N, C-alpha and C. Protein backbone atom coordinates (compact mmCIF):
# COMPACT_ATOMS: atom_id res chain seq x y z
N UNK A 1 -1.54 -4.88 -19.61
CA UNK A 1 -0.27 -4.13 -19.01
C UNK A 1 0.38 -3.27 -20.30
N UNK A 2 0.38 -2.66 -20.33
CA UNK A 2 1.28 -1.99 -21.34
C UNK A 2 2.53 -1.68 -20.84
N UNK A 3 3.95 -1.09 -21.37
CA UNK A 3 5.17 -0.33 -20.69
C UNK A 3 5.09 0.67 -19.92
N UNK A 4 4.49 1.40 -20.27
CA UNK A 4 4.52 2.69 -19.52
C UNK A 4 3.20 2.34 -17.90
N UNK A 5 2.87 1.48 -18.07
CA UNK A 5 1.57 1.15 -16.89
C UNK A 5 2.49 0.19 -15.70
N UNK A 6 3.52 0.00 -16.69
CA UNK A 6 4.39 -1.15 -15.86
C UNK A 6 5.89 -0.33 -14.82
N UNK A 7 5.99 0.62 -15.67
CA UNK A 7 7.19 1.02 -15.13
C UNK A 7 6.55 2.01 -14.05
N UNK A 8 5.35 2.77 -14.40
CA UNK A 8 4.93 3.80 -13.74
C UNK A 8 4.38 2.65 -12.22
N UNK A 9 3.54 1.73 -11.97
CA UNK A 9 3.96 0.73 -11.24
C UNK A 9 5.10 0.77 -9.99
N UNK A 10 6.11 0.19 -11.29
CA UNK A 10 7.43 -0.14 -10.34
C UNK A 10 8.21 1.40 -9.78
N UNK A 11 7.97 2.34 -10.46
CA UNK A 11 8.54 3.84 -9.33
C UNK A 11 7.77 3.97 -8.83
N UNK A 12 6.37 3.63 -8.89
CA UNK A 12 5.82 4.46 -7.49
C UNK A 12 5.78 3.18 -6.22
N UNK A 13 5.72 1.52 -6.31
CA UNK A 13 6.10 0.92 -5.70
C UNK A 13 6.92 1.17 -4.43
N UNK A 14 8.44 1.14 -5.71
CA UNK A 14 9.66 0.85 -5.15
C UNK A 14 10.58 2.40 -4.87
N UNK A 15 10.09 3.45 -5.87
CA UNK A 15 10.74 4.71 -5.40
C UNK A 15 9.28 5.58 -4.83
N UNK A 16 8.38 5.24 -4.63
CA UNK A 16 7.68 6.48 -3.57
C UNK A 16 7.42 7.28 -4.97
N UNK A 17 7.25 7.21 -6.20
CA UNK A 17 7.58 8.46 -7.10
C UNK A 17 5.66 8.43 -7.49
N UNK A 18 5.74 9.39 -7.75
CA UNK A 18 4.36 10.30 -7.82
C UNK A 18 3.65 9.64 -9.53
N UNK A 19 2.42 9.12 -9.60
CA UNK A 19 1.73 8.90 -10.72
C UNK A 19 0.64 9.44 -11.11
N UNK A 20 0.42 9.79 -12.27
CA UNK A 20 -0.96 10.50 -12.83
C UNK A 20 -1.78 9.60 -13.32
N UNK A 21 -2.57 8.81 -13.23
CA UNK A 21 -3.05 7.78 -14.08
C UNK A 21 -4.25 8.59 -14.98
N UNK A 22 -4.29 9.76 -14.74
CA UNK A 22 -5.88 10.04 -15.31
C UNK A 22 -4.80 11.08 -16.63
N UNK A 23 -3.85 11.58 -16.14
CA UNK A 23 -2.80 12.35 -17.23
C UNK A 23 -1.74 11.70 -17.76
N UNK A 24 -1.62 10.55 -16.95
CA UNK A 24 -0.72 9.45 -17.63
C UNK A 24 0.30 9.97 -17.31
N UNK A 25 0.97 10.02 -16.71
CA UNK A 25 2.46 10.38 -16.47
C UNK A 25 3.04 10.24 -15.07
N UNK A 26 4.28 9.81 -14.93
CA UNK A 26 4.95 9.82 -13.77
C UNK A 26 6.07 10.40 -13.66
N UNK A 27 6.38 10.31 -12.37
CA UNK A 27 7.77 11.37 -12.23
C UNK A 27 8.93 10.25 -11.69
N UNK A 28 9.62 10.54 -12.78
CA UNK A 28 11.02 10.10 -12.91
C UNK A 28 11.81 10.40 -11.24
N UNK A 29 12.01 9.24 -10.81
CA UNK A 29 12.73 8.97 -9.03
C UNK A 29 14.17 9.66 -9.24
N UNK A 30 14.98 9.63 -10.80
CA UNK A 30 16.47 10.25 -10.57
C UNK A 30 15.96 11.64 -11.34
N UNK A 31 15.66 12.02 -12.13
CA UNK A 31 15.71 13.76 -12.35
C UNK A 31 14.56 14.26 -11.81
N UNK A 32 13.23 13.81 -11.73
CA UNK A 32 12.09 14.73 -11.37
C UNK A 32 11.38 14.89 -12.38
N UNK A 33 11.56 14.70 -13.78
CA UNK A 33 10.56 14.67 -15.06
C UNK A 33 9.91 14.42 -14.92
N UNK A 34 8.53 14.50 -15.69
CA UNK A 34 7.30 14.01 -15.99
C UNK A 34 7.27 13.17 -17.21
N UNK A 35 7.60 12.11 -16.99
CA UNK A 35 7.58 10.49 -18.12
C UNK A 35 6.17 10.50 -18.65
N UNK A 36 5.36 11.18 -20.03
CA UNK A 36 3.93 11.47 -19.68
C UNK A 36 3.99 9.99 -21.36
N UNK A 37 2.96 9.10 -20.94
CA UNK A 37 2.87 7.66 -21.67
C UNK A 37 2.46 8.28 -23.15
N UNK A 38 2.10 9.33 -23.51
CA UNK A 38 2.26 9.85 -25.27
C UNK A 38 3.00 10.30 -25.80
N UNK A 39 4.29 10.41 -25.15
CA UNK A 39 5.92 10.97 -25.28
C UNK A 39 6.82 10.14 -25.72
N UNK A 40 6.34 8.65 -24.94
CA UNK A 40 7.29 7.43 -25.54
C UNK A 40 6.67 6.54 -26.33
N UNK A 41 7.29 5.50 -26.78
CA UNK A 41 6.99 4.59 -27.61
C UNK A 41 7.51 3.35 -26.83
N UNK A 42 6.84 2.05 -26.56
CA UNK A 42 7.15 1.05 -26.12
C UNK A 42 8.46 0.66 -25.64
N UNK A 43 9.47 0.66 -26.75
CA UNK A 43 11.21 0.24 -27.00
C UNK A 43 11.16 1.02 -25.75
N UNK A 44 11.36 2.43 -26.11
CA UNK A 44 12.10 3.84 -25.59
C UNK A 44 11.81 3.24 -23.58
N UNK A 45 10.27 2.69 -23.06
CA UNK A 45 10.02 2.94 -21.96
C UNK A 45 10.70 1.39 -21.75
N UNK A 46 10.89 0.34 -22.72
CA UNK A 46 11.76 -0.71 -22.26
C UNK A 46 12.72 -0.35 -21.62
N UNK A 47 13.52 0.38 -22.65
CA UNK A 47 14.95 0.43 -22.53
C UNK A 47 15.22 1.36 -21.44
N UNK A 48 14.73 2.44 -20.77
CA UNK A 48 14.73 2.90 -19.38
C UNK A 48 13.32 3.17 -18.81
N UNK A 49 13.23 3.54 -17.57
CA UNK A 49 12.27 4.35 -16.45
C UNK A 49 11.66 5.43 -16.80
N UNK A 50 13.05 6.50 -17.67
CA UNK A 50 12.99 7.53 -17.75
C UNK A 50 13.97 8.05 -19.09
N UNK A 51 13.28 8.01 -20.27
CA UNK A 51 13.84 8.38 -21.61
C UNK A 51 14.66 9.45 -21.74
N UNK A 52 14.07 10.69 -20.47
CA UNK A 52 14.48 11.31 -20.98
C UNK A 52 16.22 11.84 -19.87
N UNK A 53 16.26 11.23 -18.49
CA UNK A 53 18.00 10.95 -17.97
C UNK A 53 18.43 9.88 -18.72
N UNK A 54 17.45 8.44 -18.86
CA UNK A 54 18.29 7.47 -19.13
C UNK A 54 17.72 6.60 -17.84
N UNK A 55 17.37 7.11 -16.48
CA UNK A 55 17.47 6.55 -15.29
C UNK A 55 16.65 4.89 -15.48
N UNK A 56 17.24 3.95 -15.32
CA UNK A 56 17.47 2.28 -15.29
C UNK A 56 17.67 1.56 -14.08
N UNK A 57 16.77 0.28 -13.96
CA UNK A 57 17.16 -0.25 -12.91
C UNK A 57 19.19 -0.43 -13.14
N UNK A 58 19.76 0.16 -11.74
CA UNK A 58 21.11 -0.63 -12.30
C UNK A 58 21.67 -2.41 -11.86
N UNK A 59 20.90 -3.00 -10.83
CA UNK A 59 21.44 -4.14 -10.25
C UNK A 59 20.48 -5.31 -11.20
N UNK A 60 19.80 -4.79 -12.61
CA UNK A 60 19.06 -5.92 -12.68
C UNK A 60 17.58 -6.67 -11.85
N UNK A 61 17.61 -6.18 -11.02
CA UNK A 61 16.56 -6.78 -10.17
C UNK A 61 14.59 -6.45 -10.43
N UNK A 62 14.65 -6.35 -11.94
CA UNK A 62 13.10 -5.91 -11.96
C UNK A 62 12.51 -7.02 -11.73
N UNK A 63 11.13 -6.54 -10.92
CA UNK A 63 10.40 -7.11 -10.04
C UNK A 63 9.09 -6.76 -10.40
N UNK A 64 8.59 -6.76 -11.68
CA UNK A 64 6.98 -6.35 -11.97
C UNK A 64 6.11 -7.24 -11.87
């Protein structure tokens, strides 16, 4: 599982965000923008769930 898949699973499970597994994008729960796998590298997706708005888990309770 790559970082995009981990992020997609997490935002879908925790925030109820839409994930399109065929087109490979998920909707950011904070800004509503689509986060496409092909637009971001692994490091950018490790830093934030949404590289567009910088949304990340605030309390450090990441449970992939």
